[in-house]
């Protein structure tokens, strides 16, 4: 009788940015055929993940997404929601706040990140003795040993994600040295979040083998002339995909402008984002809101492809940080746009 490995993945209670945790459940292949409904609930020690007290430490993992794990034999990756012991969503469970049961909202997240050397604690491509490499310019979509750093990790991660069935639509080297990006699309905010989190898990695990860690901080190089990292959220619903109206697009963009709505969005868009949203390096200031056609310096960009299609397409919210929880981002966007 063969054994199957189920890697249960969840988000912990770390603040201000939640981290990934995982543990492996072994099941008999006679009782498991790869279906989500065959994955049982499982408990864990919430007192060790900042999600419970020692006197009442049990939290519950509820499987919500499954895919093959190409990097292990006879294995699957199982993304889970965290529930409290009474079966209700835990306070750290932002997936449960997404109000899109009909999956009318589609999301394409552009996940940026830095590859950091574990010994030098600096991005790959930075001098080992300290200081900085050549200024930004050659690194974006760069090719060659002087411009692209960590490609082996990036390519291995891409292959594993595709083998797992995650809908990665592209990868590229980004503007800063040692910075990369991949894009994932899904119909439904919950599924998009599931795929981003599983892909982040696979990236972290892949990088382990190279003595490299993933830096999700949106501005890891501080107040310097180096780009930060975002997780731009491309989104649409039936209205955006079909309306054919500039006025409707403007109306939807204006829904993001009220101060209360901006405050709510920024709270959901990742910690330390004020260090990234400065009005420089392809960002709008965190203190301002704007939208514009093909404007990468705006809070929300109206893609030129949407305009050329007669205002039938999508919008891009450029404010979410690289360390943002995609569940929280999706929940915020959906609550803003849902009734339009």
Protein backbone atom coordinates (compact mmCIF):
# COMPACT_ATOMS: atom_id res chain seq x y z
CA UNK A 1 0.00 0.00 0.00
CA UNK A 2 1.54 3.30 -1.13
CA UNK A 3 1.61 6.36 1.05
CA UNK A 4 0.55 9.86 -0.03
CA UNK A 5 2.03 13.09 1.36
CA UNK A 6 -0.39 15.96 1.90
CA UNK A 7 1.38 19.23 2.66
CA UNK A 8 -1.10 21.39 4.61
CA UNK A 9 -0.26 25.09 4.18
CA UNK A 10 -1.69 27.95 6.21
CA UNK A 11 -1.14 31.57 7.23
CA UNK A 12 0.06 32.23 10.75
CA UNK A 13 -0.66 35.10 13.11
CA UNK A 14 2.59 37.02 12.63
CA UNK A 15 2.25 40.81 12.63
CA UNK A 16 2.27 43.05 10.72
CA UNK A 17 2.77 40.51 7.92
CA UNK A 18 1.48 36.95 8.13
CA UNK A 19 3.89 34.15 7.33
CA UNK A 20 3.50 30.72 5.78
CA UNK A 21 3.47 27.53 7.84
CA UNK A 22 3.09 23.93 6.70
CA UNK A 23 3.14 20.35 7.92
CA UNK A 24 2.79 16.98 6.24
CA UNK A 25 -0.04 14.48 6.71
CA UNK A 26 0.54 10.91 5.49
CA UNK A 27 -2.48 8.99 4.15
CA UNK A 28 -2.95 5.65 2.38
CA UNK A 29 -3.48 5.79 -1.37
CA UNK A 30 -6.50 3.47 -0.90
CA UNK A 31 -8.23 6.33 0.92
CA UNK A 32 -7.09 9.20 -1.27
CA UNK A 33 -7.46 9.87 -5.02
CA UNK A 34 -6.41 13.51 -5.15
CA UNK A 35 -9.76 15.19 -4.49
CA UNK A 36 -10.12 18.16 -2.14
CA UNK A 37 -13.12 16.65 -0.35
CA UNK A 38 -10.93 13.69 0.66
CA UNK A 39 -8.63 15.96 2.68
CA UNK A 40 -9.75 15.90 6.31
CA UNK A 41 -9.78 18.77 8.76
CA UNK A 42 -6.59 18.87 10.81
CA UNK A 43 -5.60 20.69 13.97
CA UNK A 44 -2.40 22.50 14.91
CA UNK A 45 -0.90 24.29 17.90
CA UNK A 46 -2.06 27.87 17.50
CA UNK A 47 -0.05 28.97 20.53
CA UNK A 48 3.10 28.41 18.46
CA UNK A 49 1.87 30.52 15.53
CA UNK A 50 0.45 33.55 17.40
CA UNK A 51 -3.10 32.33 16.81
CA UNK A 52 -4.14 30.94 20.20
CA UNK A 53 -3.18 30.82 23.86
CA UNK A 54 -1.43 27.87 25.45
CA UNK A 55 -4.48 27.05 27.54
CA UNK A 56 -6.73 26.67 24.48
CA UNK A 57 -4.25 26.09 21.71
CA UNK A 58 -6.10 24.04 19.09
CA UNK A 59 -6.86 25.68 15.77
CA UNK A 60 -8.35 23.90 12.77
CA UNK A 61 -7.06 23.67 9.19
CA UNK A 62 -9.85 23.51 6.61
CA UNK A 63 -8.63 22.44 3.13
CA UNK A 64 -9.77 24.84 0.40
CA UNK A 65 -7.44 24.15 -2.56
CA UNK A 66 -5.35 21.20 -3.72
CA UNK A 67 -2.81 20.63 -6.45
CA UNK A 68 0.00 18.15 -7.16
CA UNK A 69 3.36 18.74 -5.50
CA UNK A 70 5.85 18.14 -8.34
CA UNK A 71 8.89 18.44 -6.07
CA UNK A 72 8.01 15.45 -3.86
CA UNK A 73 7.06 11.85 -4.61
CA UNK A 74 3.39 10.90 -4.23
CA UNK A 75 2.54 14.32 -2.87
CA UNK A 76 -0.01 17.14 -2.96
CA UNK A 77 -0.11 20.72 -1.75
CA UNK A 78 -3.20 21.59 0.29
CA UNK A 79 -3.97 25.24 0.96
CA UNK A 80 -6.12 25.67 4.05
CA UNK A 81 -8.14 28.24 5.93
CA UNK A 82 -7.63 28.61 9.66
CA UNK A 83 -10.69 28.08 11.83
CA UNK A 84 -11.06 28.59 15.55
CA UNK A 85 -11.81 25.54 17.67
CA UNK A 86 -15.56 26.23 17.39
CA UNK A 87 -15.39 26.02 13.57
CA UNK A 88 -15.75 29.73 12.86
CA UNK A 89 -13.20 31.61 10.71
CA UNK A 90 -10.17 32.69 12.74
CA UNK A 91 -9.44 36.41 12.97
CA UNK A 92 -6.36 35.85 10.78
CA UNK A 93 -8.45 34.21 8.05
CA UNK A 94 -8.96 36.90 5.41
CA UNK A 95 -10.09 34.40 2.79
CA UNK A 96 -13.39 34.10 4.65
CA UNK A 97 -14.02 37.85 4.14
CA UNK A 98 -14.18 37.65 0.33
CA UNK A 99 -17.77 38.25 -0.76
CA UNK A 100 -17.72 36.77 -4.26
CA UNK A 101 -19.49 33.44 -4.19
CA UNK A 102 -20.29 33.57 -7.91
CA UNK A 103 -16.64 34.23 -8.89
CA UNK A 104 -17.73 37.19 -11.00
CA UNK A 105 -14.47 38.95 -10.13
CA UNK A 106 -11.36 37.86 -11.98
CA UNK A 107 -7.89 38.69 -10.67
CA UNK A 108 -4.44 38.74 -12.20
CA UNK A 109 -1.81 39.39 -9.52
CA UNK A 110 1.68 40.56 -10.51
CA UNK A 111 3.89 39.25 -7.72
CA UNK A 112 7.23 41.02 -7.35
CA UNK A 113 9.96 39.94 -4.94
CA UNK A 114 13.70 40.08 -4.27
CA UNK A 115 16.09 37.14 -4.06
CA UNK A 116 18.43 37.68 -1.09
CA UNK A 117 21.67 35.84 -0.40
CA UNK A 118 21.50 34.24 3.05
CA UNK A 119 25.19 34.94 3.73
CA UNK A 120 25.47 38.55 2.57
CA UNK A 121 21.87 39.49 3.48
CA UNK A 122 21.75 41.50 0.24
CA UNK A 123 19.98 40.99 -3.10
CA UNK A 124 21.62 38.66 -5.57
CA UNK A 125 23.93 40.67 -7.81
CA UNK A 126 24.97 43.09 -5.06
CA UNK A 127 28.70 43.27 -4.26
CA UNK A 128 29.73 40.82 -1.53
CA UNK A 129 31.72 43.48 0.31
CA UNK A 130 28.82 45.90 0.55
CA UNK A 131 27.73 48.83 -1.56
CA UNK A 132 25.65 48.79 -4.71
CA UNK A 133 25.88 47.39 -8.22
CA UNK A 134 25.41 49.50 -11.35
CA UNK A 135 22.28 51.70 -11.25
CA UNK A 136 18.89 50.54 -12.49
CA UNK A 137 18.56 50.26 -16.22
CA UNK A 138 19.92 46.92 -17.46
CA UNK A 139 18.07 44.65 -15.03
CA UNK A 140 14.46 44.92 -16.24
CA UNK A 141 13.92 41.88 -18.50
CA UNK A 142 17.71 41.69 -18.60
CA UNK A 143 19.76 38.85 -20.04
CA UNK A 144 23.31 37.84 -19.19
CA UNK A 145 25.40 37.34 -16.07
CA UNK A 146 25.84 41.10 -15.54
CA UNK A 147 22.11 41.81 -15.58
CA UNK A 148 20.13 38.74 -14.46
CA UNK A 149 20.74 37.14 -11.07
CA UNK A 150 19.03 34.03 -9.73
CA UNK A 151 17.54 32.83 -13.00
CA UNK A 152 18.02 29.16 -12.06
CA UNK A 153 15.76 29.63 -9.03
CA UNK A 154 13.17 31.53 -11.04
CA UNK A 155 13.07 28.94 -13.83
CA UNK A 156 12.81 26.03 -11.40
CA UNK A 157 9.98 27.79 -9.59
CA UNK A 158 8.16 28.42 -12.87
CA UNK A 159 8.40 24.78 -13.93
CA UNK A 160 7.16 23.54 -10.56
CA UNK A 161 4.22 25.96 -10.58
CA UNK A 162 3.19 24.91 -14.09
CA UNK A 163 3.50 21.22 -13.21
CA UNK A 164 1.33 21.86 -10.16
CA UNK A 165 -1.35 23.36 -12.40
CA UNK A 166 -1.04 26.91 -11.10
CA UNK A 167 -2.06 29.39 -13.78
CA UNK A 168 1.19 31.33 -14.12
CA UNK A 169 0.93 33.59 -17.15
CA UNK A 170 4.47 34.93 -17.27
CA UNK A 171 7.73 35.79 -15.50
CA UNK A 172 10.34 38.51 -15.93
CA UNK A 173 13.31 40.11 -14.26
CA UNK A 174 12.25 43.39 -12.68
CA UNK A 175 13.70 46.90 -12.53
CA UNK A 176 15.98 46.45 -9.51
CA UNK A 177 18.98 44.14 -9.34
CA UNK A 178 17.98 40.74 -7.93
CA UNK A 179 14.27 41.51 -8.30
CA UNK A 180 11.83 39.29 -10.23
CA UNK A 181 8.12 38.98 -10.96
CA UNK A 182 5.58 36.37 -11.95
CA UNK A 183 1.92 36.76 -12.81
CA UNK A 184 -0.98 34.49 -11.82
CA UNK A 185 -4.59 34.70 -13.04
CA UNK A 186 -7.77 33.12 -11.69
CA UNK A 187 -11.51 33.56 -11.93
CA UNK A 188 -12.61 34.32 -8.38
CA UNK A 189 -10.82 36.18 -5.61
CA UNK A 190 -10.53 33.12 -3.40
CA UNK A 191 -8.95 30.97 -6.09
CA UNK A 192 -6.57 33.76 -7.10
CA UNK A 193 -5.48 34.09 -3.49
CA UNK A 194 -5.09 30.32 -3.14
CA UNK A 195 -2.82 30.20 -6.17
CA UNK A 196 -0.68 33.14 -5.06
CA UNK A 197 -0.15 31.66 -1.61
CA UNK A 198 0.74 28.22 -2.95
CA UNK A 199 3.10 29.79 -5.48
CA UNK A 200 4.75 31.81 -2.69
CA UNK A 201 5.17 28.62 -0.69
CA UNK A 202 6.81 26.89 -3.65
CA UNK A 203 9.11 29.86 -4.21
CA UNK A 204 10.21 29.89 -0.58
CA UNK A 205 10.82 26.15 -0.60
CA UNK A 206 12.71 26.22 -3.90
CA UNK A 207 14.97 29.05 -2.74
CA UNK A 208 15.92 27.05 0.38
CA UNK A 209 18.01 24.71 -1.77
CA UNK A 210 20.14 27.60 -3.04
CA UNK A 211 20.86 29.30 0.28
CA UNK A 212 18.60 32.15 -0.82
CA UNK A 213 15.58 33.64 0.87
CA UNK A 214 12.65 35.58 -0.54
CA UNK A 215 12.34 39.19 0.56
CA UNK A 216 8.70 40.22 0.38
CA UNK A 217 9.22 43.65 1.98
CA UNK A 218 7.86 46.32 -0.40
CA UNK A 219 10.94 48.55 -0.02
CA UNK A 220 13.80 46.40 1.28
CA UNK A 221 16.52 48.79 0.12
CA UNK A 222 15.06 51.72 2.03
CA UNK A 223 15.16 55.31 0.89
CA UNK A 224 17.40 54.71 -2.10
CA UNK A 225 17.03 55.05 -5.86
CA UNK A 226 16.02 51.40 -6.17
CA UNK A 227 12.50 50.24 -7.00
CA UNK A 228 10.31 48.63 -4.39
CA UNK A 229 8.16 45.54 -4.88
CA UNK A 230 4.43 45.44 -5.44
CA UNK A 231 1.69 42.93 -6.12
CA UNK A 232 -0.30 44.86 -8.69
CA UNK A 233 -3.92 43.68 -8.75
CA UNK A 234 -5.51 43.48 -12.19
CA UNK A 235 -9.23 42.94 -11.73
CA UNK A 236 -12.51 42.83 -13.60
CA UNK A 237 -16.13 41.86 -13.17
CA UNK A 238 -18.93 41.51 -15.70
CA UNK A 239 -19.46 45.27 -15.77
CA UNK A 240 -15.81 46.05 -16.50
CA UNK A 241 -15.57 43.26 -19.07
CA UNK A 242 -18.69 44.27 -21.01
CA UNK A 243 -19.85 47.84 -20.32
CA UNK A 244 -18.07 49.63 -23.18
CA UNK A 245 -18.35 52.93 -21.34
CA UNK A 246 -15.62 55.37 -20.34
CA UNK A 247 -18.10 57.01 -17.97
CA UNK A 248 -18.69 53.72 -16.16
CA UNK A 249 -14.95 53.14 -15.84
CA UNK A 250 -14.50 56.63 -14.42
CA UNK A 251 -17.37 55.99 -11.99
CA UNK A 252 -15.77 52.76 -10.79
CA UNK A 253 -12.37 54.41 -10.35
CA UNK A 254 -13.96 57.24 -8.37
CA UNK A 255 -15.38 54.68 -5.93
CA UNK A 256 -11.80 54.18 -4.69
CA UNK A 257 -11.25 57.90 -3.99
CA UNK A 258 -13.10 58.62 -0.69
CA UNK A 259 -10.73 58.96 2.26
CA UNK A 260 -12.43 56.18 4.22
CA UNK A 261 -12.09 53.84 1.26
CA UNK A 262 -8.42 54.76 0.74
CA UNK A 263 -7.73 54.11 4.43
CA UNK A 264 -9.41 50.71 4.22
CA UNK A 265 -7.52 49.78 1.06
CA UNK A 266 -4.10 50.83 2.34
CA UNK A 267 -4.71 48.82 5.53
CA UNK A 268 -5.31 45.74 3.36
CA UNK A 269 -2.49 46.36 0.90
CA UNK A 270 0.49 45.35 3.01
CA UNK A 271 2.75 46.63 5.81
CA UNK A 272 5.46 49.24 5.20
CA UNK A 273 3.79 50.25 1.95
CA UNK A 274 4.33 53.91 2.85
CA UNK A 275 8.01 53.30 2.14
CA UNK A 276 7.15 52.19 -1.40
CA UNK A 277 4.25 54.49 -2.32
CA UNK A 278 6.28 57.70 -2.48
CA UNK A 279 5.31 59.06 -5.88
CA UNK A 280 8.62 57.81 -7.28
CA UNK A 281 9.67 54.59 -8.99
CA UNK A 282 6.38 54.02 -10.82
CA UNK A 283 4.12 54.69 -7.84
CA UNK A 284 1.64 57.31 -6.72
CA UNK A 285 2.08 58.83 -3.28
CA UNK A 286 0.27 57.02 -0.49
CA UNK A 287 -1.23 60.41 0.42
CA UNK A 288 -2.84 60.88 -3.00
CA UNK A 289 -5.26 59.03 -5.25
CA UNK A 290 -5.31 59.16 -9.04
CA UNK A 291 -6.23 57.09 -12.04
CA UNK A 292 -5.25 57.39 -15.66
CA UNK A 293 -4.88 55.62 -18.96
CA UNK A 294 -1.58 53.72 -19.23
CA UNK A 295 -0.29 55.66 -16.20
CA UNK A 296 2.08 53.60 -14.06
CA UNK A 297 2.44 56.54 -11.72
CA UNK A 298 -1.27 56.44 -10.87
CA UNK A 299 -3.01 54.61 -8.03
CA UNK A 300 -5.17 52.82 -10.59
CA UNK A 301 -4.08 52.34 -14.18
CA UNK A 302 -6.58 51.94 -17.00
CA UNK A 303 -4.71 49.61 -19.39
CA UNK A 304 -4.40 50.80 -22.97
CA UNK A 305 -5.72 47.39 -24.08
CA UNK A 306 -8.96 48.14 -22.21
CA UNK A 307 -9.34 51.49 -23.95
CA UNK A 308 -8.54 50.04 -27.38
CA UNK A 309 -11.21 47.39 -26.76
CA UNK A 310 -13.81 50.10 -26.30
CA UNK A 311 -13.68 50.11 -22.51
CA UNK A 312 -14.26 46.39 -22.22
CA UNK A 313 -11.51 44.91 -20.07
CA UNK A 314 -10.00 45.44 -16.64
CA UNK A 315 -8.36 47.85 -14.22
CA UNK A 316 -5.03 47.64 -12.40
CA UNK A 317 -4.73 48.74 -8.79
CA UNK A 318 -1.00 49.44 -8.46
CA UNK A 319 -1.02 50.08 -4.72
CA UNK A 320 -0.89 46.56 -3.20
CA UNK A 321 2.55 45.75 -1.80
CA UNK A 322 4.53 42.60 -2.50
CA UNK A 323 3.86 41.36 1.04
CA UNK A 324 0.10 41.96 0.89
CA UNK A 325 -2.33 39.14 1.57
CA UNK A 326 -4.08 38.55 -1.79
CA UNK A 327 -7.21 37.47 0.07
CA UNK A 328 -7.38 40.84 1.84
CA UNK A 329 -6.65 42.71 -1.40
CA UNK A 330 -9.40 40.86 -3.26
CA UNK A 331 -11.88 41.39 -0.42
CA UNK A 332 -11.20 45.15 -0.40
CA UNK A 333 -11.52 45.56 -4.17
CA UNK A 334 -14.68 43.47 -4.38
CA UNK A 335 -16.36 45.40 -1.55
CA UNK A 336 -15.56 48.65 -3.37
CA UNK A 337 -16.79 47.64 -6.83
CA UNK A 338 -19.39 44.94 -6.25
CA UNK A 339 -22.55 47.02 -6.61
CA UNK A 340 -21.48 48.84 -9.80
